[in-house]
């Protein structure tokens, strides 16, 4: 009989920040935070509000993306790296 060793959920659960993947959320936060700081430097309320709106809409989009596939960004980056090695063709004799 085989041994049954349960794998803890924390070892295979995707790492999420605010319900999204880490890299896109932190990139969005840095871009919007930079825009907000630039708005604070000039005392421009419109820039600060626009940065907050872009962050809210971007976070909503990233959460929807994470609901579909929690590792979608990692899959996209891997596919982008292998684009030249694995062409999207059905057979080697495919003609354009």
PDB file of N, CA and C in Angstrom:
ATOM      1  N   UNK A   1       0.835  -1.166   0.000  1.00  0.00           N
ATOM      2  CA  UNK A   1       0.000   0.000   0.000  1.00  0.00           C
ATOM      3  C   UNK A   1       0.891   1.243   0.000  1.00  0.00           C
ATOM      4  N   UNK A   2       0.456   2.267  -0.744  1.00  0.00           N
ATOM      5  CA  UNK A   2       1.225   3.503  -0.833  1.00  0.00           C
ATOM      6  C   UNK A   2       0.945   4.406   0.363  1.00  0.00           C
ATOM      7  N   UNK A   3       1.971   5.129   0.751  1.00  0.00           N
ATOM      8  CA  UNK A   3       1.778   6.109   1.821  1.00  0.00           C
ATOM      9  C   UNK A   3       1.026   7.318   1.276  1.00  0.00           C
ATOM     10  N   UNK A   4       0.150   7.838   2.074  1.00  0.00           N
ATOM     11  CA  UNK A   4      -0.612   9.030   1.698  1.00  0.00           C
ATOM     12  C   UNK A   4      -0.087  10.196   2.523  1.00  0.00           C
ATOM     13  N   UNK A   5       0.664  11.075   1.877  1.00  0.00           N
ATOM     14  CA  UNK A   5       1.199  12.253   2.546  1.00  0.00           C
ATOM     15  C   UNK A   5       0.498  13.488   1.992  1.00  0.00           C
ATOM     16  N   UNK A   6      -0.314  14.138   2.778  1.00  0.00           N
ATOM     17  CA  UNK A   6      -1.008  15.327   2.275  1.00  0.00           C
ATOM     18  C   UNK A   6      -0.032  16.488   2.079  1.00  0.00           C
ATOM     19  N   UNK A   7      -0.248  17.239   1.016  1.00  0.00           N
ATOM     20  CA  UNK A   7       0.574  18.419   0.746  1.00  0.00           C
ATOM     21  C   UNK A   7      -0.137  19.625   1.345  1.00  0.00           C
ATOM     22  N   UNK A   8       0.545  20.383   2.189  1.00  0.00           N
ATOM     23  CA  UNK A   8      -0.103  21.570   2.767  1.00  0.00           C
ATOM     24  C   UNK A   8      -0.515  22.558   1.683  1.00  0.00           C
ATOM     25  N   UNK A   9      -1.659  23.185   1.876  1.00  0.00           N
ATOM     26  CA  UNK A   9      -2.210  24.096   0.883  1.00  0.00           C
ATOM     27  C   UNK A   9      -1.293  25.294   0.636  1.00  0.00           C
ATOM     28  N   UNK A  10      -0.544  25.708   1.644  1.00  0.00           N
ATOM     29  CA  UNK A  10       0.331  26.871   1.493  1.00  0.00           C
ATOM     30  C   UNK A  10       1.490  26.608   0.537  1.00  0.00           C
ATOM     31  N   UNK A  11       1.809  25.346   0.276  1.00  0.00           N
ATOM     32  CA  UNK A  11       2.931  25.042  -0.604  1.00  0.00           C
ATOM     33  C   UNK A  11       2.567  25.115  -2.087  1.00  0.00           C
ATOM     34  N   UNK A  12       1.309  24.940  -2.440  1.00  0.00           N
ATOM     35  CA  UNK A  12       0.947  24.978  -3.850  1.00  0.00           C
ATOM     36  C   UNK A  12      -0.090  26.046  -4.173  1.00  0.00           C
ATOM     37  N   UNK A  13      -0.440  26.875  -3.216  1.00  0.00           N
ATOM     38  CA  UNK A  13      -1.359  27.982  -3.467  1.00  0.00           C
ATOM     39  C   UNK A  13      -0.585  29.140  -4.095  1.00  0.00           C
ATOM     40  N   UNK A  14      -1.128  29.786  -5.116  1.00  0.00           N
ATOM     41  CA  UNK A  14      -0.401  30.895  -5.753  1.00  0.00           C
ATOM     42  C   UNK A  14      -0.257  32.085  -4.810  1.00  0.00           C
ATOM     43  N   UNK A  15       0.872  32.783  -4.925  1.00  0.00           N
ATOM     44  CA  UNK A  15       1.133  33.942  -4.073  1.00  0.00           C
ATOM     45  C   UNK A  15       0.347  35.130  -4.603  1.00  0.00           C
ATOM     46  N   UNK A  16      -0.570  35.639  -3.795  1.00  0.00           N
ATOM     47  CA  UNK A  16      -1.429  36.738  -4.211  1.00  0.00           C
ATOM     48  C   UNK A  16      -1.248  37.934  -3.280  1.00  0.00           C
ATOM     49  N   UNK A  17      -1.382  39.124  -3.837  1.00  0.00           N
ATOM     50  CA  UNK A  17      -1.387  40.365  -3.073  1.00  0.00           C
ATOM     51  C   UNK A  17      -2.658  41.103  -3.475  1.00  0.00           C
ATOM     52  N   UNK A  18      -3.519  41.381  -2.515  1.00  0.00           N
ATOM     53  CA  UNK A  18      -4.786  42.072  -2.763  1.00  0.00           C
ATOM     54  C   UNK A  18      -5.641  41.327  -3.782  1.00  0.00           C
ATOM     55  N   UNK A  19      -5.548  40.023  -3.818  1.00  0.00           N
ATOM     56  CA  UNK A  19      -6.355  39.208  -4.706  1.00  0.00           C
ATOM     57  C   UNK A  19      -5.812  39.061  -6.114  1.00  0.00           C
ATOM     58  N   UNK A  20      -4.587  39.511  -6.354  1.00  0.00           N
ATOM     59  CA  UNK A  20      -3.976  39.456  -7.686  1.00  0.00           C
ATOM     60  C   UNK A  20      -2.561  38.902  -7.560  1.00  0.00           C
ATOM     61  N   UNK A  21      -1.941  38.676  -8.711  1.00  0.00           N
ATOM     62  CA  UNK A  21      -0.546  38.253  -8.698  1.00  0.00           C
ATOM     63  C   UNK A  21       0.337  39.385  -8.187  1.00  0.00           C
ATOM     64  N   UNK A  22       1.476  39.030  -7.637  1.00  0.00           N
ATOM     65  CA  UNK A  22       2.344  40.023  -7.012  1.00  0.00           C
ATOM     66  C   UNK A  22       2.924  41.026  -8.000  1.00  0.00           C
ATOM     67  N   UNK A  23       3.528  40.544  -9.075  1.00  0.00           N
ATOM     68  CA  UNK A  23       4.274  41.415  -9.982  1.00  0.00           C
ATOM     69  C   UNK A  23       3.379  42.462 -10.640  1.00  0.00           C
ATOM     70  N   UNK A  24       2.229  42.094 -11.227  1.00  0.00           N
ATOM     71  CA  UNK A  24       1.405  43.137 -11.841  1.00  0.00           C
ATOM     72  C   UNK A  24       0.854  44.149 -10.843  1.00  0.00           C
ATOM     73  N   UNK A  25       0.485  43.690  -9.631  1.00  0.00           N
ATOM     74  CA  UNK A  25      -0.068  44.616  -8.636  1.00  0.00           C
ATOM     75  C   UNK A  25       0.999  45.592  -8.164  1.00  0.00           C
ATOM     76  N   UNK A  26       2.183  45.083  -7.901  1.00  0.00           N
ATOM     77  CA  UNK A  26       3.241  45.974  -7.431  1.00  0.00           C
ATOM     78  C   UNK A  26       3.687  46.929  -8.530  1.00  0.00           C
ATOM     79  N   UNK A  27       3.685  46.484  -9.775  1.00  0.00           N
ATOM     80  CA  UNK A  27       4.009  47.383 -10.893  1.00  0.00           C
ATOM     81  C   UNK A  27       2.953  48.477 -11.017  1.00  0.00           C
ATOM     82  N   UNK A  28       1.689  48.098 -10.932  1.00  0.00           N
ATOM     83  CA  UNK A  28       0.608  49.072 -11.006  1.00  0.00           C
ATOM     84  C   UNK A  28       0.687  50.063  -9.848  1.00  0.00           C
ATOM     85  N   UNK A  29       0.981  49.565  -8.656  1.00  0.00           N
ATOM     86  CA  UNK A  29       1.084  50.446  -7.492  1.00  0.00           C
ATOM     87  C   UNK A  29       2.252  51.418  -7.635  1.00  0.00           C
ATOM     88  N   UNK A  30       3.376  50.952  -8.174  1.00  0.00           N
ATOM     89  CA  UNK A  30       4.524  51.848  -8.339  1.00  0.00           C
ATOM     90  C   UNK A  30       4.233  52.922  -9.381  1.00  0.00           C
ATOM     91  N   UNK A  31       3.596  52.548 -10.480  1.00  0.00           N
ATOM     92  CA  UNK A  31       3.284  53.529 -11.531  1.00  0.00           C
ATOM     93  C   UNK A  31       2.266  54.553 -11.016  1.00  0.00           C
ATOM     94  N   UNK A  32       1.203  54.073 -10.386  1.00  0.00           N
ATOM     95  CA  UNK A  32       0.187  54.997  -9.883  1.00  0.00           C
ATOM     96  C   UNK A  32       0.709  55.808  -8.692  1.00  0.00           C
ATOM     97  N   UNK A  33       1.540  55.197  -7.877  1.00  0.00           N
ATOM     98  CA  UNK A  33       2.149  55.938  -6.769  1.00  0.00           C
ATOM     99  C   UNK A  33       3.075  57.033  -7.267  1.00  0.00           C
ATOM    100  N   UNK A  34       3.825  56.744  -8.323  1.00  0.00           N
ATOM    101  CA  UNK A  34       4.679  57.778  -8.914  1.00  0.00           C
ATOM    102  C   UNK A  34       3.859  58.921  -9.478  1.00  0.00           C
ATOM    103  N   UNK A  35       2.738  58.596 -10.118  1.00  0.00           N
ATOM    104  CA  UNK A  35       1.855  59.646 -10.634  1.00  0.00           C
ATOM    105  C   UNK A  35       1.251  60.476  -9.520  1.00  0.00           C
ATOM    106  N   UNK A  36       0.882  59.830  -8.420  1.00  0.00           N
ATOM    107  CA  UNK A  36       0.310  60.558  -7.291  1.00  0.00           C
ATOM    108  C   UNK A  36       1.358  61.455  -6.634  1.00  0.00           C
ATOM    109  N   UNK A  37       2.581  60.976  -6.524  1.00  0.00           N
ATOM    110  CA  UNK A  37       3.640  61.795  -5.932  1.00  0.00           C
ATOM    111  C   UNK A  37       3.953  62.980  -6.836  1.00  0.00           C
ATOM    112  N   UNK A  38       3.941  62.756  -8.144  1.00  0.00           N
ATOM    113  CA  UNK A  38       4.141  63.878  -9.072  1.00  0.00           C
ATOM    114  C   UNK A  38       3.002  64.888  -8.937  1.00  0.00           C
ATOM    115  N   UNK A  39       1.799  64.402  -8.710  1.00  0.00           N
ATOM    116  CA  UNK A  39       0.670  65.302  -8.494  1.00  0.00           C
ATOM    117  C   UNK A  39       0.790  66.069  -7.192  1.00  0.00           C
ATOM    118  N   UNK A  40       1.346  65.423  -6.161  1.00  0.00           N
ATOM    119  CA  UNK A  40       1.551  66.115  -4.885  1.00  0.00           C
ATOM    120  C   UNK A  40       2.615  67.202  -5.003  1.00  0.00           C
ATOM    121  N   UNK A  41       3.623  66.957  -5.808  1.00  0.00           N
ATOM    122  CA  UNK A  41       4.691  67.942  -5.978  1.00  0.00           C
ATOM    123  C   UNK A  41       4.152  69.240  -6.575  1.00  0.00           C
ATOM    124  N   UNK A  42       3.219  69.104  -7.502  1.00  0.00           N
ATOM    125  CA  UNK A  42       2.666  70.283  -8.169  1.00  0.00           C
ATOM    126  C   UNK A  42       1.348  70.730  -7.543  1.00  0.00           C
ATOM    127  N   UNK A  43       0.908  70.044  -6.508  1.00  0.00           N
ATOM    128  CA  UNK A  43      -0.371  70.327  -5.842  1.00  0.00           C
ATOM    129  C   UNK A  43      -1.510  70.268  -6.854  1.00  0.00           C
ATOM    130  N   UNK A  44      -1.493  69.225  -7.683  1.00  0.00           N
ATOM    131  CA  UNK A  44      -2.504  69.051  -8.716  1.00  0.00           C
ATOM    132  C   UNK A  44      -3.448  67.926  -8.286  1.00  0.00           C
ATOM    133  N   UNK A  45      -4.659  68.314  -7.922  1.00  0.00           N
ATOM    134  CA  UNK A  45      -5.639  67.348  -7.425  1.00  0.00           C
ATOM    135  C   UNK A  45      -6.098  66.421  -8.556  1.00  0.00           C
ATOM    136  N   UNK A  46      -6.150  66.927  -9.773  1.00  0.00           N
ATOM    137  CA  UNK A  46      -6.596  66.121 -10.907  1.00  0.00           C
ATOM    138  C   UNK A  46      -5.659  64.937 -11.138  1.00  0.00           C
ATOM    139  N   UNK A  47      -4.359  65.151 -11.045  1.00  0.00           N
ATOM    140  CA  UNK A  47      -3.391  64.068 -11.238  1.00  0.00           C
ATOM    141  C   UNK A  47      -3.512  63.015 -10.141  1.00  0.00           C
ATOM    142  N   UNK A  48      -3.724  63.456  -8.923  1.00  0.00           N
ATOM    143  CA  UNK A  48      -3.875  62.513  -7.812  1.00  0.00           C
ATOM    144  C   UNK A  48      -5.146  61.684  -7.998  1.00  0.00           C
ATOM    145  N   UNK A  49      -6.242  62.342  -8.376  1.00  0.00           N
ATOM    146  CA  UNK A  49      -7.494  61.618  -8.612  1.00  0.00           C
ATOM    147  C   UNK A  49      -7.391  60.666  -9.785  1.00  0.00           C
ATOM    148  N   UNK A  50      -6.704  61.090 -10.836  1.00  0.00           N
ATOM    149  CA  UNK A  50      -6.519  60.223 -11.993  1.00  0.00           C
ATOM    150  C   UNK A  50      -5.669  59.000 -11.635  1.00  0.00           C
ATOM    151  N   UNK A  51      -4.633  59.199 -10.822  1.00  0.00           N
ATOM    152  CA  UNK A  51      -3.805  58.061 -10.381  1.00  0.00           C
ATOM    153  C   UNK A  51      -4.618  57.082  -9.539  1.00  0.00           C
ATOM    154  N   UNK A  52      -5.471  57.608  -8.669  1.00  0.00           N
ATOM    155  CA  UNK A  52      -6.315  56.738  -7.840  1.00  0.00           C
ATOM    156  C   UNK A  52      -7.317  55.974  -8.703  1.00  0.00           C
ATOM    157  N   UNK A  53      -7.885  56.650  -9.710  1.00  0.00           N
ATOM    158  CA  UNK A  53      -8.853  55.984 -10.585  1.00  0.00           C
ATOM    159  C   UNK A  53      -8.176  54.903 -11.423  1.00  0.00           C
ATOM    160  N   UNK A  54      -6.991  55.194 -11.938  1.00  0.00           N
ATOM    161  CA  UNK A  54      -6.259  54.194 -12.730  1.00  0.00           C
ATOM    162  C   UNK A  54      -5.896  53.002 -11.852  1.00  0.00           C
ATOM    163  N   UNK A  55      -5.509  53.261 -10.601  1.00  0.00           N
ATOM    164  CA  UNK A  55      -5.176  52.162  -9.695  1.00  0.00           C
ATOM    165  C   UNK A  55      -6.406  51.310  -9.401  1.00  0.00           C
ATOM    166  N   UNK A  56      -7.533  51.942  -9.152  1.00  0.00           N
ATOM    167  CA  UNK A  56      -8.762  51.187  -8.844  1.00  0.00           C
ATOM    168  C   UNK A  56      -9.205  50.353 -10.038  1.00  0.00           C
ATOM    169  N   UNK A  57      -9.205  50.946 -11.225  1.00  0.00           N
ATOM    170  CA  UNK A  57      -9.613  50.191 -12.419  1.00  0.00           C
ATOM    171  C   UNK A  57      -8.604  49.087 -12.756  1.00  0.00           C
ATOM    172  N   UNK A  58      -7.328  49.383 -12.609  1.00  0.00           N
ATOM    173  CA  UNK A  58      -6.303  48.371 -12.872  1.00  0.00           C
ATOM    174  C   UNK A  58      -6.382  47.220 -11.884  1.00  0.00           C
ATOM    175  N   UNK A  59      -6.631  47.538 -10.626  1.00  0.00           N
ATOM    176  CA  UNK A  59      -6.769  46.490  -9.614  1.00  0.00           C
ATOM    177  C   UNK A  59      -7.989  45.625  -9.893  1.00  0.00           C
ATOM    178  N   UNK A  60      -9.092  46.236 -10.321  1.00  0.00           N
ATOM    179  CA  UNK A  60     -10.280  45.462 -10.681  1.00  0.00           C
ATOM    180  C   UNK A  60      -9.969  44.520 -11.851  1.00  0.00           C
ATOM    181  N   UNK A  61      -9.285  45.038 -12.868  1.00  0.00           N
ATOM    182  CA  UNK A  61      -8.928  44.199 -14.017  1.00  0.00           C
ATOM    183  C   UNK A  61      -7.995  43.063 -13.638  1.00  0.00           C
ATOM    184  N   UNK A  62      -7.034  43.344 -12.776  1.00  0.00           N
ATOM    185  CA  UNK A  62      -6.108  42.291 -12.353  1.00  0.00           C
ATOM    186  C   UNK A  62      -6.809  41.242 -11.498  1.00  0.00           C
ATOM    187  N   UNK A  63      -7.783  41.663 -10.692  1.00  0.00           N
ATOM    188  CA  UNK A  63      -8.539  40.686  -9.898  1.00  0.00           C
ATOM    189  C   UNK A  63      -9.385  39.785 -10.800  1.00  0.00           C
ATOM    190  N   UNK A  64      -9.985  40.365 -11.819  1.00  0.00           N
ATOM    191  CA  UNK A  64     -10.763  39.559 -12.761  1.00  0.00           C
ATOM    192  C   UNK A  64      -9.848  38.569 -13.491  1.00  0.00           C
ATOM    193  N   UNK A  65      -8.648  39.029 -13.829  1.00  0.00           N
ATOM    194  CA  UNK A  65      -7.681  38.148 -14.480  1.00  0.00           C
ATOM    195  C   UNK A  65      -7.280  37.008 -13.539  1.00  0.00           C
ATOM    196  N   UNK A  66      -7.095  37.318 -12.257  1.00  0.00           N
ATOM    197  CA  UNK A  66      -6.703  36.288 -11.287  1.00  0.00           C
ATOM    198  C   UNK A  66      -7.841  35.313 -11.006  1.00  0.00           C
ATOM    199  N   UNK A  67      -9.082  35.760 -11.145  1.00  0.00           N
ATOM    200  CA  UNK A  67     -10.204  34.832 -10.969  1.00  0.00           C
ATOM    201  C   UNK A  67     -10.225  33.794 -12.085  1.00  0.00           C
ATOM    202  N   UNK A  68      -9.853  34.225 -13.291  1.00  0.00           N
ATOM    203  CA  UNK A  68      -9.815  33.304 -14.418  1.00  0.00           C
ATOM    204  C   UNK A  68      -8.680  32.303 -14.258  1.00  0.00           C
ATOM    205  N   UNK A  69      -7.478  32.811 -14.019  1.00  0.00           N
ATOM    206  CA  UNK A  69      -6.309  31.958 -13.831  1.00  0.00           C
ATOM    207  C   UNK A  69      -5.342  32.681 -12.909  1.00  0.00           C
ATOM    208  N   UNK A  70      -5.089  32.162 -11.700  1.00  0.00           N
ATOM    209  CA  UNK A  70      -4.221  32.857 -10.755  1.00  0.00           C
ATOM    210  C   UNK A  70      -2.781  33.017 -11.232  1.00  0.00           C
ATOM    211  N   UNK A  71      -2.370  32.247 -12.215  1.00  0.00           N
ATOM    212  CA  UNK A  71      -0.989  32.349 -12.707  1.00  0.00           C
ATOM    213  C   UNK A  71      -0.936  32.828 -14.155  1.00  0.00           C
ATOM    214  N   UNK A  72      -1.919  33.605 -14.579  1.00  0.00           N
ATOM    215  CA  UNK A  72      -2.005  34.016 -15.980  1.00  0.00           C
ATOM    216  C   UNK A  72      -0.822  34.881 -16.402  1.00  0.00           C
ATOM    217  N   UNK A  73      -0.364  35.764 -15.542  1.00  0.00           N
ATOM    218  CA  UNK A  73       0.761  36.631 -15.891  1.00  0.00           C
ATOM    219  C   UNK A  73       2.043  35.817 -16.065  1.00  0.00           C
ATOM    220  N   UNK A  74       2.259  34.843 -15.196  1.00  0.00           N
ATOM    221  CA  UNK A  74       3.441  33.981 -15.326  1.00  0.00           C
ATOM    222  C   UNK A  74       3.375  33.168 -16.612  1.00  0.00           C
ATOM    223  N   UNK A  75       2.208  32.688 -16.975  1.00  0.00           N
ATOM    224  CA  UNK A  75       2.044  31.927 -18.214  1.00  0.00           C
ATOM    225  C   UNK A  75       2.316  32.822 -19.416  1.00  0.00           C
ATOM    226  N   UNK A  76       1.837  34.065 -19.377  1.00  0.00           N
ATOM    227  CA  UNK A  76       2.070  35.001 -20.472  1.00  0.00           C
ATOM    228  C   UNK A  76       3.559  35.292 -20.636  1.00  0.00           C
ATOM    229  N   UNK A  77       4.255  35.516 -19.540  1.00  0.00           N
ATOM    230  CA  UNK A  77       5.698  35.802 -19.611  1.00  0.00           C
ATOM    231  C   UNK A  77       6.443  34.598 -20.174  1.00  0.00           C
ATOM    232  N   UNK A  78       6.081  33.387 -19.750  1.00  0.00           N
ATOM    233  CA  UNK A  78       6.745  32.188 -20.264  1.00  0.00           C
ATOM    234  C   UNK A  78       6.471  32.001 -21.750  1.00  0.00           C
ATOM    235  N   UNK A  79       5.234  32.237 -22.179  1.00  0.00           N
ATOM    236  CA  UNK A  79       4.905  32.121 -23.599  1.00  0.00           C
ATOM    237  C   UNK A  79       5.640  33.174 -24.415  1.00  0.00           C
ATOM    238  N   UNK A  80       5.810  34.355 -23.859  1.00  0.00           N
ATOM    239  CA  UNK A  80       6.538  35.418 -24.551  1.00  0.00           C
ATOM    240  C   UNK A  80       8.013  35.057 -24.714  1.00  0.00           C
ATOM    241  N   UNK A  81       8.593  34.403 -23.707  1.00  0.00           N
ATOM    242  CA  UNK A  81       9.997  33.997 -23.782  1.00  0.00           C
ATOM    243  C   UNK A  81      10.209  32.890 -24.816  1.00  0.00           C
ATOM    244  N   UNK A  82       9.244  31.965 -24.930  1.00  0.00           N
ATOM    245  CA  UNK A  82       9.381  30.829 -25.834  1.00  0.00           C
ATOM    246  C   UNK A  82       8.790  31.073 -27.215  1.00  0.00           C
ATOM    247  N   UNK A  83       8.412  32.307 -27.532  1.00  0.00           N
ATOM    248  CA  UNK A  83       7.733  32.605 -28.783  1.00  0.00           C
ATOM    249  C   UNK A  83       8.560  32.188 -29.998  1.00  0.00           C
ATOM    250  N   UNK A  84       9.875  32.345 -29.950  1.00  0.00           N
ATOM    251  CA  UNK A  84      10.712  32.025 -31.099  1.00  0.00           C
ATOM    252  C   UNK A  84      11.020  30.523 -31.192  1.00  0.00           C
ATOM    253  N   UNK A  85      10.866  29.801 -30.094  1.00  0.00           N
ATOM    254  CA  UNK A  85      11.173  28.374 -30.090  1.00  0.00           C
ATOM    255  C   UNK A  85       9.965  27.518 -30.431  1.00  0.00           C
ATOM    256  N   UNK A  86       8.801  27.915 -29.963  1.00  0.00           N
ATOM    257  CA  UNK A  86       7.597  27.111 -30.168  1.00  0.00           C
ATOM    258  C   UNK A  86       6.603  27.919 -30.995  1.00  0.00           C
ATOM    259  N   UNK A  87       6.675  27.758 -32.299  1.00  0.00           N
ATOM    260  CA  UNK A  87       5.770  28.480 -33.172  1.00  0.00           C
ATOM    261  C   UNK A  87       4.361  27.900 -33.081  1.00  0.00           C
ATOM    262  N   UNK A  88       3.383  28.741 -33.261  1.00  0.00           N
ATOM    263  CA  UNK A  88       1.982  28.310 -33.174  1.00  0.00           C
ATOM    264  C   UNK A  88       1.529  27.770 -34.527  1.00  0.00           C
ATOM    265  N   UNK A  89       1.972  26.601 -34.846  1.00  0.00           N
ATOM    266  CA  UNK A  89       1.588  25.946 -36.102  1.00  0.00           C
ATOM    267  C   UNK A  89       1.114  24.528 -35.788  1.00  0.00           C
ATOM    268  N   UNK A  90       0.207  24.059 -36.607  1.00  0.00           N
ATOM    269  CA  UNK A  90      -0.371  22.752 -36.313  1.00  0.00           C
ATOM    270  C   UNK A  90       0.579  21.607 -36.712  1.00  0.00           C
ATOM    271  N   UNK A  91       1.289  21.731 -37.826  1.00  0.00           N
ATOM    272  CA  UNK A  91       2.200  20.687 -38.290  1.00  0.00           C
ATOM    273  C   UNK A  91       3.467  21.327 -38.836  1.00  0.00           C
ATOM    274  N   UNK A  92       4.526  20.543 -39.027  1.00  0.00           N
ATOM    275  CA  UNK A  92       5.733  21.113 -39.624  1.00  0.00           C
ATOM    276  C   UNK A  92       5.537  21.540 -41.075  1.00  0.00           C
ATOM    277  N   UNK A  93       4.502  21.017 -41.757  1.00  0.00           N
ATOM    278  CA  UNK A  93       4.261  21.328 -43.169  1.00  0.00           C
ATOM    279  C   UNK A  93       3.241  22.451 -43.346  1.00  0.00           C
ATOM    280  N   UNK A  94       3.016  23.236 -42.295  1.00  0.00           N
ATOM    281  CA  UNK A  94       2.045  24.315 -42.363  1.00  0.00           C
ATOM    282  C   UNK A  94       2.534  25.398 -43.329  1.00  0.00           C
ATOM    283  N   UNK A  95       1.649  25.868 -44.195  1.00  0.00           N
ATOM    284  CA  UNK A  95       2.000  26.936 -45.135  1.00  0.00           C
ATOM    285  C   UNK A  95       1.216  28.200 -44.780  1.00  0.00           C
ATOM    286  N   UNK A  96       1.866  29.316 -44.931  1.00  0.00           N
ATOM    287  CA  UNK A  96       1.208  30.586 -44.613  1.00  0.00           C
ATOM    288  C   UNK A  96       0.407  31.079 -45.757  1.00  0.00           C
TER     289      UNK A  96
END
